[in-house]
Amino acid sequence: MWCRIKKLLSWILLLGALVLLILLGLGTFSSPPAVAAINTIEEAPGQILY
């Protein structure tokens, strides 16, 4: 009886680990695109800050 319980728990642990790895893998490949804005400001005459 104890052998069956150990076998079932090991299968559940393996399945959980695989699901976790799949979910983590999907998260790394679907990163959102970055958005940037470039502004120019004149700090002093002839000095431009980007």
N, C-alpha and C. Protein backbone atom coordinates (compact mmCIF):
# COMPACT_ATOMS: atom_id res chain seq x y z
N MET A 1 0.82 -1.20 0.00
CA MET A 1 0.00 0.00 0.00
C MET A 1 0.87 1.26 0.00
N TRP A 2 1.89 1.27 0.84
CA TRP A 2 2.77 2.45 0.93
C TRP A 2 3.50 2.68 -0.39
N CYS A 3 3.83 1.61 -1.08
CA CYS A 3 4.52 1.73 -2.37
C CYS A 3 3.63 2.42 -3.40
N ARG A 4 2.34 2.12 -3.39
CA ARG A 4 1.42 2.77 -4.33
C ARG A 4 1.30 4.26 -4.03
N ILE A 5 1.26 4.62 -2.75
CA ILE A 5 1.15 6.03 -2.38
C ILE A 5 2.41 6.78 -2.80
N LYS A 6 3.58 6.18 -2.56
CA LYS A 6 4.83 6.83 -2.97
C LYS A 6 4.88 7.02 -4.49
N LYS A 7 4.43 6.01 -5.23
CA LYS A 7 4.44 6.10 -6.68
C LYS A 7 3.49 7.19 -7.17
N LEU A 8 2.31 7.28 -6.57
CA LEU A 8 1.34 8.31 -6.95
C LEU A 8 1.87 9.71 -6.62
N LEU A 9 2.48 9.87 -5.45
CA LEU A 9 3.04 11.17 -5.08
C LEU A 9 4.19 11.57 -6.00
N SER A 10 4.99 10.61 -6.40
CA SER A 10 6.09 10.95 -7.32
C SER A 10 5.57 11.38 -8.69
N TRP A 11 4.49 10.73 -9.16
CA TRP A 11 3.89 11.15 -10.44
C TRP A 11 3.28 12.55 -10.33
N ILE A 12 2.63 12.82 -9.22
CA ILE A 12 2.05 14.15 -9.02
C ILE A 12 3.14 15.21 -8.95
N LEU A 13 4.23 14.92 -8.27
CA LEU A 13 5.35 15.85 -8.19
C LEU A 13 5.98 16.08 -9.56
N LEU A 14 6.15 15.03 -10.33
CA LEU A 14 6.71 15.16 -11.67
C LEU A 14 5.79 15.99 -12.57
N LEU A 15 4.51 15.73 -12.50
CA LEU A 15 3.55 16.48 -13.31
C LEU A 15 3.54 17.96 -12.90
N GLY A 16 3.59 18.23 -11.62
CA GLY A 16 3.63 19.62 -11.15
C GLY A 16 4.88 20.34 -11.61
N ALA A 17 6.02 19.65 -11.56
CA ALA A 17 7.26 20.26 -12.01
C ALA A 17 7.22 20.56 -13.51
N LEU A 18 6.67 19.65 -14.29
CA LEU A 18 6.56 19.89 -15.74
C LEU A 18 5.64 21.06 -16.05
N VAL A 19 4.52 21.13 -15.36
CA VAL A 19 3.59 22.26 -15.57
C VAL A 19 4.26 23.57 -15.20
N LEU A 20 4.99 23.58 -14.09
CA LEU A 20 5.69 24.79 -13.66
C LEU A 20 6.73 25.21 -14.69
N LEU A 21 7.49 24.27 -15.20
CA LEU A 21 8.50 24.60 -16.21
C LEU A 21 7.86 25.12 -17.49
N ILE A 22 6.75 24.54 -17.89
CA ILE A 22 6.06 25.01 -19.10
C ILE A 22 5.54 26.43 -18.90
N LEU A 23 4.95 26.71 -17.75
CA LEU A 23 4.43 28.05 -17.50
C LEU A 23 5.54 29.08 -17.42
N LEU A 24 6.65 28.72 -16.80
CA LEU A 24 7.78 29.65 -16.74
C LEU A 24 8.39 29.87 -18.12
N GLY A 25 8.44 28.82 -18.93
CA GLY A 25 8.97 28.95 -20.28
C GLY A 25 8.11 29.83 -21.15
N LEU A 26 6.80 29.73 -21.00
CA LEU A 26 5.91 30.57 -21.80
C LEU A 26 6.04 32.03 -21.40
N GLY A 27 6.32 32.29 -20.15
CA GLY A 27 6.46 33.67 -19.68
C GLY A 27 7.71 34.35 -20.21
N THR A 28 8.77 33.60 -20.46
CA THR A 28 10.00 34.22 -20.92
C THR A 28 9.98 34.55 -22.40
N PHE A 29 9.16 33.83 -23.18
CA PHE A 29 9.14 34.07 -24.62
C PHE A 29 8.10 35.11 -25.03
N SER A 30 7.25 35.53 -24.15
CA SER A 30 6.21 36.48 -24.52
C SER A 30 6.34 37.78 -23.73
N SER A 31 7.50 38.41 -23.82
CA SER A 31 7.69 39.68 -23.13
C SER A 31 7.06 40.81 -23.95
N PRO A 32 6.47 41.79 -23.30
CA PRO A 32 5.83 42.89 -24.03
C PRO A 32 6.87 43.80 -24.67
N PRO A 33 6.51 44.45 -25.77
CA PRO A 33 7.47 45.36 -26.42
C PRO A 33 7.71 46.60 -25.57
N ALA A 34 8.87 47.17 -25.71
CA ALA A 34 9.23 48.37 -24.97
C ALA A 34 8.86 49.61 -25.78
N VAL A 35 8.48 50.65 -25.08
CA VAL A 35 8.13 51.92 -25.70
C VAL A 35 9.04 52.99 -25.12
N ALA A 36 9.61 53.81 -25.99
CA ALA A 36 10.51 54.88 -25.54
C ALA A 36 10.17 56.17 -26.26
N ALA A 37 10.42 57.27 -25.59
CA ALA A 37 10.22 58.59 -26.18
C ALA A 37 11.51 59.38 -26.01
N ILE A 38 11.95 60.04 -27.08
CA ILE A 38 13.17 60.85 -27.04
C ILE A 38 12.77 62.31 -27.17
N ASN A 39 13.13 63.08 -26.18
CA ASN A 39 12.82 64.51 -26.18
C ASN A 39 14.11 65.31 -26.18
N THR A 40 14.07 66.49 -26.77
CA THR A 40 15.21 67.40 -26.74
C THR A 40 14.82 68.64 -25.94
N ILE A 41 15.71 69.02 -25.02
CA ILE A 41 15.49 70.22 -24.19
C ILE A 41 16.74 71.07 -24.28
N GLU A 42 16.53 72.36 -24.52
CA GLU A 42 17.67 73.27 -24.56
C GLU A 42 17.89 73.80 -23.15
N GLU A 43 19.00 73.35 -22.53
CA GLU A 43 19.31 73.78 -21.16
C GLU A 43 19.85 75.20 -21.13
N ALA A 44 20.77 75.44 -22.02
CA ALA A 44 21.39 76.76 -22.13
C ALA A 44 21.59 77.03 -23.62
N PRO A 45 21.89 78.27 -24.00
CA PRO A 45 22.11 78.54 -25.42
C PRO A 45 23.24 77.67 -25.98
N GLY A 46 22.92 76.89 -27.00
CA GLY A 46 23.90 76.02 -27.63
C GLY A 46 24.09 74.68 -26.92
N GLN A 47 23.37 74.44 -25.83
CA GLN A 47 23.50 73.18 -25.10
C GLN A 47 22.16 72.46 -25.14
N ILE A 48 22.15 71.29 -25.77
CA ILE A 48 20.91 70.53 -25.94
C ILE A 48 21.01 69.24 -25.16
N LEU A 49 19.95 68.93 -24.41
CA LEU A 49 19.87 67.71 -23.62
C LEU A 49 18.91 66.75 -24.32
N TYR A 50 19.38 65.54 -24.56
CA TYR A 50 18.53 64.51 -25.22
C TYR A 50 18.00 63.57 -24.16
